[in-house]
PDB file of N, CA and C in Angstrom:
ATOM      1  N   MET A   1     156.103 153.583  37.423  1.00  0.00           N
ATOM      2  CA  MET A   1     154.902 153.114  37.555  1.00  0.00           C
ATOM      3  C   MET A   1     154.818 152.025  38.077  1.00  0.00           C
ATOM      4  N   SER A   2     155.344 151.066  39.177  1.00  0.00           N
ATOM      5  CA  SER A   2     155.207 150.492  40.056  1.00  0.00           C
ATOM      6  C   SER A   2     154.579 151.140  41.504  1.00  0.00           C
ATOM      7  N   ASN A   3     155.125 152.657  41.941  1.00  0.00           N
ATOM      8  CA  ASN A   3     154.901 152.973  42.366  1.00  0.00           C
ATOM      9  C   ASN A   3     153.433 153.522  42.368  1.00  0.00           C
ATOM     10  N   PHE A   4     152.732 153.786  41.595  1.00  0.00           N
ATOM     11  CA  PHE A   4     151.589 154.525  41.007  1.00  0.00           C
ATOM     12  C   PHE A   4     150.448 152.829  41.560  1.00  0.00           C
ATOM     13  N   TRP A   5     150.096 152.055  41.054  1.00  0.00           N
ATOM     14  CA  TRP A   5     150.105 151.117  41.145  1.00  0.00           C
ATOM     15  C   TRP A   5     149.704 150.404  42.936  1.00  0.00           C
ATOM     16  N   ASP A   6     151.197 150.601  43.624  1.00  0.00           N
ATOM     17  CA  ASP A   6     151.405 150.235  44.815  1.00  0.00           C
ATOM     18  C   ASP A   6     150.113 151.635  45.724  1.00  0.00           C
ATOM     19  N   LEU A   7     150.776 152.481  45.194  1.00  0.00           N
ATOM     20  CA  LEU A   7     149.590 153.888  45.987  1.00  0.00           C
ATOM     21  C   LEU A   7     147.918 153.122  44.928  1.00  0.00           C
ATOM     22  N   ILE A   8     147.438 152.968  43.803  1.00  0.00           N
ATOM     23  CA  ILE A   8     146.083 152.375  44.232  1.00  0.00           C
ATOM     24  C   ILE A   8     146.096 151.364  44.782  1.00  0.00           C
ATOM     25  N   TRP A   9     146.308 150.268  44.709  1.00  0.00           N
ATOM     26  CA  TRP A   9     146.278 149.144  45.798  1.00  0.00           C
ATOM     27  C   TRP A   9     146.326 149.775  47.481  1.00  0.00           C
ATOM     28  N   LEU A  10     146.907 150.809  47.733  1.00  0.00           N
ATOM     29  CA  LEU A  10     146.899 151.134  48.744  1.00  0.00           C
ATOM     30  C   LEU A  10     145.073 151.846  49.259  1.00  0.00           C
ATOM     31  N   ILE A  11     144.495 152.681  48.865  1.00  0.00           N
ATOM     32  CA  ILE A  11     143.769 153.438  48.420  1.00  0.00           C
ATOM     33  C   ILE A  11     142.361 152.672  48.254  1.00  0.00           C
ATOM     34  N   VAL A  12     142.422 151.386  47.338  1.00  0.00           N
ATOM     35  CA  VAL A  12     141.855 150.744  47.745  1.00  0.00           C
ATOM     36  C   VAL A  12     141.672 149.851  49.005  1.00  0.00           C
ATOM     37  N   SER A  13     142.499 149.095  48.830  1.00  0.00           N
ATOM     38  CA  SER A  13     142.233 148.756  50.047  1.00  0.00           C
ATOM     39  C   SER A  13     141.423 148.943  51.195  1.00  0.00           C
ATOM     40  N   SER A  14     142.288 150.431  51.569  1.00  0.00           N
ATOM     41  CA  SER A  14     141.973 150.989  52.589  1.00  0.00           C
ATOM     42  C   SER A  14     140.017 151.359  53.045  1.00  0.00           C
ATOM     43  N   PHE A  15     140.125 152.057  51.714  1.00  0.00           N
ATOM     44  CA  PHE A  15     138.813 151.871  51.246  1.00  0.00           C
ATOM     45  C   PHE A  15     137.440 150.940  51.609  1.00  0.00           C
ATOM     46  N   VAL A  16     138.560 149.600  50.866  1.00  0.00           N
ATOM     47  CA  VAL A  16     137.566 148.456  51.439  1.00  0.00           C
ATOM     48  C   VAL A  16     137.390 147.859  52.982  1.00  0.00           C
ATOM     49  N   PHE A  17     138.831 148.154  53.633  1.00  0.00           N
ATOM     50  CA  PHE A  17     138.683 148.293  54.646  1.00  0.00           C
ATOM     51  C   PHE A  17     137.959 148.534  56.115  1.00  0.00           C
ATOM     52  N   ILE A  18     138.372 149.987  55.324  1.00  0.00           N
ATOM     53  CA  ILE A  18     136.672 151.256  56.392  1.00  0.00           C
ATOM     54  C   ILE A  18     135.819 150.784  55.319  1.00  0.00           C
ATOM     55  N   ALA A  19     135.030 150.651  54.897  1.00  0.00           N
ATOM     56  CA  ALA A  19     133.797 150.552  54.710  1.00  0.00           C
ATOM     57  C   ALA A  19     133.739 148.946  55.119  1.00  0.00           C
ATOM     58  N   TYR A  20     134.111 147.697  55.478  1.00  0.00           N
ATOM     59  CA  TYR A  20     133.865 146.712  56.391  1.00  0.00           C
ATOM     60  C   TYR A  20     134.219 146.937  57.213  1.00  0.00           C
ATOM     61  N   LEU A  21     134.791 147.943  58.513  1.00  0.00           N
ATOM     62  CA  LEU A  21     134.348 148.060  59.691  1.00  0.00           C
ATOM     63  C   LEU A  21     133.244 148.901  59.848  1.00  0.00           C
ATOM     64  N   LEU A  22     132.569 150.045  59.091  1.00  0.00           N
ATOM     65  CA  LEU A  22     131.311 150.580  59.464  1.00  0.00           C
ATOM     66  C   LEU A  22     129.811 149.599  59.053  1.00  0.00           C
ATOM     67  N   VAL A  23     130.910 148.664  58.214  1.00  0.00           N
ATOM     68  CA  VAL A  23     129.767 147.263  58.052  1.00  0.00           C
ATOM     69  C   VAL A  23     129.572 146.590  58.735  1.00  0.00           C
ATOM     70  N   LEU A  24     130.480 146.207  60.141  1.00  0.00           N
ATOM     71  CA  LEU A  24     130.664 145.274  60.984  1.00  0.00           C
ATOM     72  C   LEU A  24     130.451 146.336  61.961  1.00  0.00           C
ATOM     73  N   PHE A  25     130.162 147.184  62.006  1.00  0.00           N
ATOM     74  CA  PHE A  25     129.938 148.525  62.995  1.00  0.00           C
ATOM     75  C   PHE A  25     128.180 148.407  63.604  1.00  0.00           C
ATOM     76  N   GLN A  26     128.104 148.427  62.260  1.00  0.00           N
ATOM     77  CA  GLN A  26     126.979 149.052  62.320  1.00  0.00           C
ATOM     78  C   GLN A  26     125.576 147.508  62.257  1.00  0.00           C
ATOM     79  N   ILE A  27     126.200 146.424  62.081  1.00  0.00           N
ATOM     80  CA  ILE A  27     126.180 144.723  62.241  1.00  0.00           C
ATOM     81  C   ILE A  27     125.715 144.861  63.889  1.00  0.00           C
ATOM     82  N   VAL A  28     126.936 144.665  64.606  1.00  0.00           N
ATOM     83  CA  VAL A  28     127.298 144.718  66.129  1.00  0.00           C
ATOM     84  C   VAL A  28     126.399 145.586  66.606  1.00  0.00           C
ATOM     85  N   ALA A  29     125.508 146.848  66.651  1.00  0.00           N
ATOM     86  CA  ALA A  29     124.782 147.427  67.363  1.00  0.00           C
ATOM     87  C   ALA A  29     123.340 147.022  66.427  1.00  0.00           C
ATOM     88  N   ASP A  30     122.892 147.040  66.306  1.00  0.00           N
ATOM     89  CA  ASP A  30     121.625 145.552  65.210  1.00  0.00           C
ATOM     90  C   ASP A  30     121.952 144.888  66.575  1.00  0.00           C
ATOM     91  N   LEU A  31     123.093 143.762  66.506  1.00  0.00           N
ATOM     92  CA  LEU A  31     122.441 142.488  67.060  1.00  0.00           C
ATOM     93  C   LEU A  31     122.105 143.298  68.426  1.00  0.00           C
ATOM     94  N   PHE A  32     122.656 144.116  68.887  1.00  0.00           N
ATOM     95  CA  PHE A  32     122.040 144.599  70.033  1.00  0.00           C
ATOM     96  C   PHE A  32     120.719 145.538  70.209  1.00  0.00           C
ATOM     97  N   ARG A  33     121.000 146.058  69.332  1.00  0.00           N
ATOM     98  CA  ARG A  33     119.457 146.601  68.998  1.00  0.00           C
ATOM     99  C   ARG A  33     118.183 145.781  69.284  1.00  0.00           C
ATOM    100  N   ASN A  34     118.247 144.430  68.451  1.00  0.00           N
ATOM    101  CA  ASN A  34     117.197 143.223  68.293  1.00  0.00           C
ATOM    102  C   ASN A  34     116.982 143.354  69.599  1.00  0.00           C
ATOM    103  N   THR A  35     115.990 143.408  69.969  1.00  0.00           N
ATOM    104  CA  THR A  35     115.042 142.772  70.638  1.00  0.00           C
ATOM    105  C   THR A  35     114.471 141.131  70.654  1.00  0.00           C
ATOM    106  N   GLU A  36     114.337 140.722  69.596  1.00  0.00           N
ATOM    107  CA  GLU A  36     113.649 139.439  68.780  1.00  0.00           C
ATOM    108  C   GLU A  36     114.086 138.673  68.768  1.00  0.00           C
ATOM    109  N   MET A  37     116.067 138.587  68.565  1.00  0.00           N
ATOM    110  CA  MET A  37     116.654 137.921  68.842  1.00  0.00           C
ATOM    111  C   MET A  37     117.100 137.500  70.292  1.00  0.00           C
ATOM    112  N   GLY A  38     117.279 136.356  70.462  1.00  0.00           N
ATOM    113  CA  GLY A  38     117.842 135.548  71.872  1.00  0.00           C
ATOM    114  C   GLY A  38     119.414 135.704  71.689  1.00  0.00           C
ATOM    115  N   GLY A  39     119.119 135.894  73.071  1.00  0.00           N
ATOM    116  CA  GLY A  39     121.192 136.498  73.611  1.00  0.00           C
ATOM    117  C   GLY A  39     121.819 134.822  72.976  1.00  0.00           C
ATOM    118  N   GLY A  40     121.562 133.487  72.922  1.00  0.00           N
ATOM    119  CA  GLY A  40     122.902 132.440  72.245  1.00  0.00           C
ATOM    120  C   GLY A  40     123.127 133.152  70.787  1.00  0.00           C
ATOM    121  N   SER A  41     121.557 133.243  70.341  1.00  0.00           N
ATOM    122  CA  SER A  41     121.662 133.962  68.469  1.00  0.00           C
ATOM    123  C   SER A  41     123.023 135.329  68.424  1.00  0.00           C
ATOM    124  N   LYS A  42     122.689 135.278  69.360  1.00  0.00           N
ATOM    125  CA  LYS A  42     123.677 137.047  69.172  1.00  0.00           C
ATOM    126  C   LYS A  42     124.855 136.954  69.612  1.00  0.00           C
ATOM    127  N   ALA A  43     125.053 135.466  70.522  1.00  0.00           N
ATOM    128  CA  ALA A  43     126.428 135.016  70.680  1.00  0.00           C
ATOM    129  C   ALA A  43     126.883 134.236  69.575  1.00  0.00           C
ATOM    130  N   VAL A  44     126.423 133.856  68.732  1.00  0.00           N
ATOM    131  CA  VAL A  44     126.658 133.353  67.893  1.00  0.00           C
ATOM    132  C   VAL A  44     127.301 133.938  66.989  1.00  0.00           C
ATOM    133  N   TRP A  45     126.248 134.977  66.433  1.00  0.00           N
ATOM    134  CA  TRP A  45     126.341 136.116  65.263  1.00  0.00           C
ATOM    135  C   TRP A  45     128.127 136.547  65.682  1.00  0.00           C
ATOM    136  N   ILE A  46     128.292 136.431  66.740  1.00  0.00           N
ATOM    137  CA  ILE A  46     129.507 137.925  66.953  1.00  0.00           C
ATOM    138  C   ILE A  46     130.559 137.180  67.552  1.00  0.00           C
ATOM    139  N   ILE A  47     130.365 135.547  67.787  1.00  0.00           N
ATOM    140  CA  ILE A  47     131.856 134.459  67.773  1.00  0.00           C
ATOM    141  C   ILE A  47     131.743 134.561  66.042  1.00  0.00           C
ATOM    142  N   GLY A  48     130.735 133.853  64.917  1.00  0.00           N
ATOM    143  CA  GLY A  48     131.038 134.216  63.466  1.00  0.00           C
ATOM    144  C   GLY A  48     132.367 135.494  62.870  1.00  0.00           C
ATOM    145  N   LEU A  49     131.060 136.590  63.522  1.00  0.00           N
ATOM    146  CA  LEU A  49     132.086 137.440  63.238  1.00  0.00           C
ATOM    147  C   LEU A  49     133.565 137.972  63.541  1.00  0.00           C
ATOM    148  N   VAL A  50     133.552 137.091  64.041  1.00  0.00           N
ATOM    149  CA  VAL A  50     135.560 137.302  65.084  1.00  0.00           C
ATOM    150  C   VAL A  50     135.457 136.031  64.208  1.00  0.00           C
ATOM    151  N   PHE A  51     135.141 134.688  64.095  1.00  0.00           N
ATOM    152  CA  PHE A  51     136.067 133.847  63.098  1.00  0.00           C
ATOM    153  C   PHE A  51     135.943 133.762  61.459  1.00  0.00           C
ATOM    154  N   ILE A  52     134.711 133.930  61.350  1.00  0.00           N
ATOM    155  CA  ILE A  52     134.686 134.198  59.879  1.00  0.00           C
ATOM    156  C   ILE A  52     133.928 135.606  59.534  1.00  0.00           C
ATOM    157  N   PRO A  53     135.077 136.364  59.841  1.00  0.00           N
ATOM    158  CA  PRO A  53     133.789 138.002  59.340  1.00  0.00           C
ATOM    159  C   PRO A  53     133.529 138.393  58.335  1.00  0.00           C
ATOM    160  N   MET A  54     133.788 137.838  57.289  1.00  0.00           N
ATOM    161  CA  MET A  54     133.569 138.839  56.037  1.00  0.00           C
ATOM    162  C   MET A  54     132.307 137.858  55.333  1.00  0.00           C
ATOM    163  N   LEU A  55     132.242 136.615  55.547  1.00  0.00           N
ATOM    164  CA  LEU A  55     131.025 135.484  55.201  1.00  0.00           C
ATOM    165  C   LEU A  55     129.645 135.685  56.056  1.00  0.00           C
ATOM    166  N   THR A  56     129.955 135.820  57.767  1.00  0.00           N
ATOM    167  CA  THR A  56     129.279 135.989  58.659  1.00  0.00           C
ATOM    168  C   THR A  56     128.714 137.591  57.941  1.00  0.00           C
ATOM    169  N   ALA A  57     129.430 138.761  58.461  1.00  0.00           N
ATOM    170  CA  ALA A  57     128.624 139.960  57.965  1.00  0.00           C
ATOM    171  C   ALA A  57     127.806 140.187  56.495  1.00  0.00           C
ATOM    172  N   VAL A  58     128.465 138.724  55.324  1.00  0.00           N
ATOM    173  CA  VAL A  58     127.655 139.583  54.601  1.00  0.00           C
ATOM    174  C   VAL A  58     125.869 137.841  54.670  1.00  0.00           C
ATOM    175  N   VAL A  59     126.825 136.835  55.141  1.00  0.00           N
ATOM    176  CA  VAL A  59     125.590 136.421  55.503  1.00  0.00           C
ATOM    177  C   VAL A  59     124.230 136.967  56.392  1.00  0.00           C
ATOM    178  N   TYR A  60     124.631 138.099  57.049  1.00  0.00           N
ATOM    179  CA  TYR A  60     123.901 138.590  58.033  1.00  0.00           C
ATOM    180  C   TYR A  60     122.971 139.492  57.404  1.00  0.00           C
ATOM    181  N   ILE A  61     123.782 140.481  56.737  1.00  0.00           N
ATOM    182  CA  ILE A  61     122.875 141.318  56.201  1.00  0.00           C
ATOM    183  C   ILE A  61     122.046 140.594  55.030  1.00  0.00           C
ATOM    184  N   ILE A  62     122.275 139.503  54.244  1.00  0.00           N
ATOM    185  CA  ILE A  62     121.002 138.995  53.756  1.00  0.00           C
ATOM    186  C   ILE A  62     119.858 138.598  54.762  1.00  0.00           C
ATOM    187  N   ALA A  63     119.951 137.656  55.827  1.00  0.00           N
ATOM    188  CA  ALA A  63     118.860 137.283  56.152  1.00  0.00           C
ATOM    189  C   ALA A  63     118.517 138.381  57.279  1.00  0.00           C
ATOM    190  N   ASN A  64     119.148 138.961  57.269  1.00  0.00           N
ATOM    191  CA  ASN A  64     118.053 140.656  58.610  1.00  0.00           C
ATOM    192  C   ASN A  64     118.709 142.262  57.561  1.00  0.00           C
ATOM    193  N   GLY A  65     118.830 141.907  56.747  1.00  0.00           N
ATOM    194  CA  GLY A  65     118.506 143.519  56.176  1.00  0.00           C
ATOM    195  C   GLY A  65     117.916 144.104  56.096  1.00  0.00           C
ATOM    196  N   GLY A  66     116.409 143.240  56.258  1.00  0.00           N
ATOM    197  CA  GLY A  66     115.105 144.734  56.375  1.00  0.00           C
ATOM    198  C   GLY A  66     114.912 145.054  57.771  1.00  0.00           C
ATOM    199  N   GLY A  67     115.250 144.039  58.554  1.00  0.00           N
ATOM    200  CA  GLY A  67     115.467 144.585  59.517  1.00  0.00           C
ATOM    201  C   GLY A  67     115.727 145.221  60.618  1.00  0.00           C
ATOM    202  N   MET A  68     117.361 145.133  59.930  1.00  0.00           N
ATOM    203  CA  MET A  68     118.134 146.714  60.499  1.00  0.00           C
ATOM    204  C   MET A  68     117.423 148.009  59.888  1.00  0.00           C
ATOM    205  N   ALA A  69     117.128 148.028  58.480  1.00  0.00           N
ATOM    206  CA  ALA A  69     116.981 149.025  58.384  1.00  0.00           C
ATOM    207  C   ALA A  69     115.638 149.422  58.941  1.00  0.00           C
ATOM    208  N   LYS A  70     114.686 148.778  59.398  1.00  0.00           N
ATOM    209  CA  LYS A  70     113.069 148.472  60.494  1.00  0.00           C
ATOM    210  C   LYS A  70     113.622 149.245  61.573  1.00  0.00           C
ATOM    211  N   ARG A  71     114.905 148.974  62.271  1.00  0.00           N
ATOM    212  CA  ARG A  71     115.285 149.055  63.687  1.00  0.00           C
ATOM    213  C   ARG A  71     116.093 150.708  63.532  1.00  0.00           C
ATOM    214  N   GLN A  72     116.895 150.800  62.281  1.00  0.00           N
ATOM    215  CA  GLN A  72     117.727 151.502  62.605  1.00  0.00           C
ATOM    216  C   GLN A  72     116.558 153.343  61.948  1.00  0.00           C
ATOM    217  N   ARG A  73     115.323 153.078  61.392  1.00  0.00           N
ATOM    218  CA  ARG A  73     114.950 153.398  61.371  1.00  0.00           C
ATOM    219  C   ARG A  73     113.866 154.370  62.836  1.00  0.00           C
ATOM    220  N   ALA A  74     114.013 152.951  63.188  1.00  0.00           N
ATOM    221  CA  ALA A  74     113.034 153.374  64.068  1.00  0.00           C
ATOM    222  C   ALA A  74     113.787 154.284  66.040  1.00  0.00           C
ATOM    223  N   ALA A  75     115.219 153.771  65.993  1.00  0.00           N
ATOM    224  CA  ALA A  75     115.554 154.107  66.432  1.00  0.00           C
ATOM    225  C   ALA A  75     115.981 155.675  66.144  1.00  0.00           C
ATOM    226  N   VAL A  76     115.910 156.317  65.226  1.00  0.00           N
ATOM    227  CA  VAL A  76     116.416 156.883  64.612  1.00  0.00           C
ATOM    228  C   VAL A  76     114.662 158.004  64.981  1.00  0.00           C
ATOM    229  N   GLU A  77     114.124 157.489  64.833  1.00  0.00           N
ATOM    230  CA  GLU A  77     112.662 158.238  65.106  1.00  0.00           C
ATOM    231  C   GLU A  77     112.006 158.777  66.838  1.00  0.00           C
ATOM    232  N   ARG A  78     113.001 157.174  67.193  1.00  0.00           N
ATOM    233  CA  ARG A  78     112.878 157.441  69.126  1.00  0.00           C
ATOM    234  C   ARG A  78     113.703 158.313  69.546  1.00  0.00           C
ATOM    235  N   ALA A  79     114.686 158.846  68.620  1.00  0.00           N
ATOM    236  CA  ALA A  79     115.720 159.754  69.148  1.00  0.00           C
ATOM    237  C   ALA A  79     115.568 161.431  68.750  1.00  0.00           C
ATOM    238  N   ARG A  80     114.707 161.436  66.975  1.00  0.00           N
ATOM    239  CA  ARG A  80     113.620 162.342  67.317  1.00  0.00           C
ATOM    240  C   ARG A  80     112.802 162.888  68.363  1.00  0.00           C
ATOM    241  N   SER A  81     111.837 162.557  68.341  1.00  0.00           N
ATOM    242  CA  SER A  81     111.006 162.285  69.167  1.00  0.00           C
ATOM    243  C   SER A  81     111.147 162.576  70.503  1.00  0.00           C
ATOM    244  N   ASP A  82     112.390 162.386  71.376  1.00  0.00           N
ATOM    245  CA  ASP A  82     113.387 162.447  72.744  1.00  0.00           C
ATOM    246  C   ASP A  82     113.595 163.827  72.427  1.00  0.00           C
ATOM    247  N   THR A  83     114.156 163.728  71.487  1.00  0.00           N
ATOM    248  CA  THR A  83     114.605 165.494  71.059  1.00  0.00           C
ATOM    249  C   THR A  83     113.894 166.214  71.446  1.00  0.00           C
ATOM    250  N   ASP A  84     112.499 166.086  70.478  1.00  0.00           N
ATOM    251  CA  ASP A  84     111.705 166.990  70.446  1.00  0.00           C
ATOM    252  C   ASP A  84     110.921 167.703  71.347  1.00  0.00           C
ATOM    253  N   THR A  85     110.540 166.446  72.679  1.00  0.00           N
ATOM    254  CA  THR A  85     110.046 166.630  73.753  1.00  0.00           C
ATOM    255  C   THR A  85     110.793 167.452  74.644  1.00  0.00           C
ATOM    256  N   TYR A  86     112.156 167.297  74.672  1.00  0.00           N
ATOM    257  CA  TYR A  86     112.948 167.876  75.196  1.00  0.00           C
ATOM    258  C   TYR A  86     113.019 169.236  75.227  1.00  0.00           C
ATOM    259  N   ILE A  87     113.407 169.609  73.537  1.00  0.00           N
ATOM    260  CA  ILE A  87     113.472 171.044  73.304  1.00  0.00           C
ATOM    261  C   ILE A  87     111.988 171.706  73.634  1.00  0.00           C
ATOM    262  N   ARG A  88     110.533 170.859  73.775  1.00  0.00           N
ATOM    263  CA  ARG A  88     109.434 171.234  74.122  1.00  0.00           C
ATOM    264  C   ARG A  88     109.417 171.587  75.330  1.00  0.00           C
ATOM    265  N   GLN A  89     109.952 171.241  76.452  1.00  0.00           N
ATOM    266  CA  GLN A  89     109.951 171.168  77.660  1.00  0.00           C
ATOM    267  C   GLN A  89     110.524 172.187  78.021  1.00  0.00           C
ATOM    268  N   VAL A  90     112.331 172.913  77.597  1.00  0.00           N
ATOM    269  CA  VAL A  90     113.175 173.261  77.696  1.00  0.00           C
ATOM    270  C   VAL A  90     112.432 174.930  77.062  1.00  0.00           C
ATOM    271  N   ALA A  91     111.949 175.159  76.357  1.00  0.00           N
ATOM    272  CA  ALA A  91     111.281 176.013  75.688  1.00  0.00           C
ATOM    273  C   ALA A  91     110.035 177.002  76.458  1.00  0.00           C
ATOM    274  N   GLY A  92     109.718 176.159  77.078  1.00  0.00           N
ATOM    275  CA  GLY A  92     108.278 177.038  77.860  1.00  0.00           C
ATOM    276  C   GLY A  92     107.691 176.438  77.965  1.00  0.00           C
ATOM    277  N   LYS A  93     106.876 177.511  77.477  1.00  0.00           N
ATOM    278  CA  LYS A  93     105.578 177.824  76.502  1.00  0.00           C
ATOM    279  C   LYS A  93     104.753 177.032  75.508  1.00  0.00           C
ATOM    280  N   SER A  94     103.814 176.572  75.310  1.00  0.00           N
ATOM    281  CA  SER A  94     103.381 176.252  74.494  1.00  0.00           C
ATOM    282  C   SER A  94     102.587 178.030  73.297  1.00  0.00           C
ATOM    283  N   PRO A  95     102.433 177.350  71.672  1.00  0.00           N
ATOM    284  CA  PRO A  95     102.245 178.015  71.347  1.00  0.00           C
ATOM    285  C   PRO A  95     101.110 178.750  71.484  1.00  0.00           C
ATOM    286  N   ALA A  96     100.535 178.000  72.035  1.00  0.00           N
ATOM    287  CA  ALA A  96      98.160 178.240  72.173  1.00  0.00           C
ATOM    288  C   ALA A  96      98.696 179.546  73.879  1.00  0.00           C
ATOM    289  N   GLU A  97      99.499 179.214  74.394  1.00  0.00           N
ATOM    290  CA  GLU A  97      99.539 179.874  75.296  1.00  0.00           C
ATOM    291  C   GLU A  97     100.824 180.521  75.284  1.00  0.00           C
ATOM    292  N   GLN A  98     101.125 181.616  74.476  1.00  0.00           N
ATOM    293  CA  GLN A  98     102.578 182.423  73.920  1.00  0.00           C
ATOM    294  C   GLN A  98     100.785 183.521  73.486  1.00  0.00           C
ATOM    295  N   ILE A  99      99.959 182.201  72.847  1.00  0.00           N
ATOM    296  CA  ILE A  99      98.935 183.305  71.713  1.00  0.00           C
ATOM    297  C   ILE A  99      98.226 183.878  73.444  1.00  0.00           C
ATOM    298  N   ALA A 100      97.867 183.263  73.715  1.00  0.00           N
ATOM    299  CA  ALA A 100      96.861 183.377  75.068  1.00  0.00           C
ATOM    300  C   ALA A 100      97.435 184.281  75.967  1.00  0.00           C
ATOM    301  N   ASP A 101      98.693 184.523  75.969  1.00  0.00           N
ATOM    302  CA  ASP A 101      99.280 185.359  77.094  1.00  0.00           C
ATOM    303  C   ASP A 101      98.634 187.058  76.009  1.00  0.00           C
ATOM    304  N   ALA A 102      99.464 186.972  74.636  1.00  0.00           N
ATOM    305  CA  ALA A 102      99.543 187.705  73.815  1.00  0.00           C
ATOM    306  C   ALA A 102      97.638 188.782  73.339  1.00  0.00           C
ATOM    307  N   LYS A 103      97.544 187.830  73.561  1.00  0.00           N
ATOM    308  CA  LYS A 103      95.647 188.627  73.649  1.00  0.00           C
ATOM    309  C   LYS A 103      95.059 188.919  74.708  1.00  0.00           C
ATOM    310  N   ALA A 104      95.562 188.222  75.864  1.00  0.00           N
ATOM    311  CA  ALA A 104      95.224 189.581  77.589  1.00  0.00           C
ATOM    312  C   ALA A 104      96.137 190.570  77.381  1.00  0.00           C
ATOM    313  N   LEU A 105      96.876 190.816  76.727  1.00  0.00           N
ATOM    314  CA  LEU A 105      98.312 191.899  76.891  1.00  0.00           C
ATOM    315  C   LEU A 105      97.309 193.095  75.911  1.00  0.00           C
ATOM    316  N   LEU A 106      96.485 192.320  74.679  1.00  0.00           N
ATOM    317  CA  LEU A 106      95.760 192.893  73.322  1.00  0.00           C
ATOM    318  C   LEU A 106      94.914 193.051  73.831  1.00  0.00           C
ATOM    319  N   ASP A 107      94.115 192.294  74.720  1.00  0.00           N
ATOM    320  CA  ASP A 107      92.897 193.268  75.960  1.00  0.00           C
ATOM    321  C   ASP A 107      92.696 193.947  77.014  1.00  0.00           C
ATOM    322  N   ALA A 108      94.225 194.140  77.144  1.00  0.00           N
ATOM    323  CA  ALA A 108      94.629 194.877  78.430  1.00  0.00           C
ATOM    324  C   ALA A 108      94.682 196.168  78.021  1.00  0.00           C
ATOM    325  N   GLY A 109      94.646 196.199  76.117  1.00  0.00           N
ATOM    326  CA  GLY A 109      95.374 197.928  75.869  1.00  0.00           C
ATOM    327  C   GLY A 109      96.677 198.253  75.802  1.00  0.00           C
ATOM    328  N   THR A 110      97.507 197.227  76.261  1.00  0.00           N
ATOM    329  CA  THR A 110      98.727 196.707  76.275  1.00  0.00           C
ATOM    330  C   THR A 110      99.738 197.078  74.768  1.00  0.00           C
ATOM    331  N   ILE A 111      99.103 196.587  74.175  1.00  0.00           N
ATOM    332  CA  ILE A 111      99.701 195.801  72.406  1.00  0.00           C
ATOM    333  C   ILE A 111      98.840 196.485  72.013  1.00  0.00           C
ATOM    334  N   ASN A 112      99.184 196.709  70.752  1.00  0.00           N
ATOM    335  CA  ASN A 112      97.993 196.956  69.329  1.00  0.00           C
ATOM    336  C   ASN A 112      97.814 195.777  68.987  1.00  0.00           C
ATOM    337  N   ALA A 113      96.831 195.738  67.427  1.00  0.00           N
ATOM    338  CA  ALA A 113      96.719 194.611  66.879  1.00  0.00           C
ATOM    339  C   ALA A 113      97.570 193.784  65.705  1.00  0.00           C
ATOM    340  N   ASP A 114      98.567 195.040  65.324  1.00  0.00           N
ATOM    341  CA  ASP A 114      99.336 194.522  64.701  1.00  0.00           C
ATOM    342  C   ASP A 114     100.986 193.834  65.151  1.00  0.00           C
ATOM    343  N   GLU A 115     100.910 194.496  66.404  1.00  0.00           N
ATOM    344  CA  GLU A 115     101.387 193.930  67.382  1.00  0.00           C
ATOM    345  C   GLU A 115     101.714 192.445  67.897  1.00  0.00           C
ATOM    346  N   PHE A 116      99.970 192.193  68.291  1.00  0.00           N
ATOM    347  CA  PHE A 116      99.336 191.223  68.314  1.00  0.00           C
ATOM    348  C   PHE A 116      99.803 189.693  67.343  1.00  0.00           C
ATOM    349  N   ALA A 117      98.875 190.665  65.825  1.00  0.00           N
ATOM    350  CA  ALA A 117      99.332 189.786  65.038  1.00  0.00           C
ATOM    351  C   ALA A 117     101.047 189.211  64.315  1.00  0.00           C
ATOM    352  N   ARG A 118     101.854 189.585  64.900  1.00  0.00           N
ATOM    353  CA  ARG A 118     103.594 189.725  64.658  1.00  0.00           C
ATOM    354  C   ARG A 118     103.291 188.581  65.782  1.00  0.00           C
ATOM    355  N   LEU A 119     103.503 188.810  67.094  1.00  0.00           N
ATOM    356  CA  LEU A 119     103.555 187.369  67.978  1.00  0.00           C
ATOM    357  C   LEU A 119     102.741 186.507  68.064  1.00  0.00           C
ATOM    358  N   LYS A 120     101.443 186.498  67.501  1.00  0.00           N
ATOM    359  CA  LYS A 120     100.673 185.312  67.368  1.00  0.00           C
ATOM    360  C   LYS A 120     101.819 184.735  66.068  1.00  0.00           C
ATOM    361  N   THR A 121     102.376 185.026  64.777  1.00  0.00           N
ATOM    362  CA  THR A 121     102.803 184.550  63.407  1.00  0.00           C
ATOM    363  C   THR A 121     104.061 183.721  64.110  1.00  0.00           C
ATOM    364  N   LYS A 122     104.514 184.905  65.121  1.00  0.00           N
ATOM    365  CA  LYS A 122     105.878 184.406  66.039  1.00  0.00           C
ATOM    366  C   LYS A 122     105.883 183.127  67.061  1.00  0.00           C
ATOM    367  N   ALA A 123     104.549 183.313  67.270  1.00  0.00           N
ATOM    368  CA  ALA A 123     104.615 181.761  68.289  1.00  0.00           C
ATOM    369  C   ALA A 123     103.830 180.480  67.400  1.00  0.00           C
ATOM    370  N   LEU A 124     103.468 180.969  66.124  1.00  0.00           N
ATOM    371  CA  LEU A 124     103.161 179.599  65.463  1.00  0.00           C
ATOM    372  C   LEU A 124     104.313 179.103  64.501  1.00  0.00           C
ATOM    373  N   ALA A 125     105.205 179.598  64.220  1.00  0.00           N
ATOM    374  CA  ALA A 125     106.187 179.811  63.328  1.00  0.00           C
ATOM    375  C   ALA A 125     107.151 178.860  64.605  1.00  0.00           C
TER     376      ALA A 125
END
């Protein structure tokens, strides 16, 4: 019976430790992402995280939780925007250019109206 409770304790303590590490990494990333906080303040937070880790982490989340969420959301939006821009650059022509090319082919008689409609829906998708 003792081995069972030892196993349960190991699982719970491992979960708490891993959760704490995730929170710690989020806090450190947020410290470096925060442009409004000065370098001295960041250094004090880091020192606090090293010497009084649990208390400092809880205080940081209480004090800066809303800002952490906003900065994380902004970073995700910025990454999404950069990815979309890169994909558009690599993909080549815009939908309007693809439709204009298909219209030129239709006007030249190379394709019929059904093919033009199919190309147009593909470009707009």
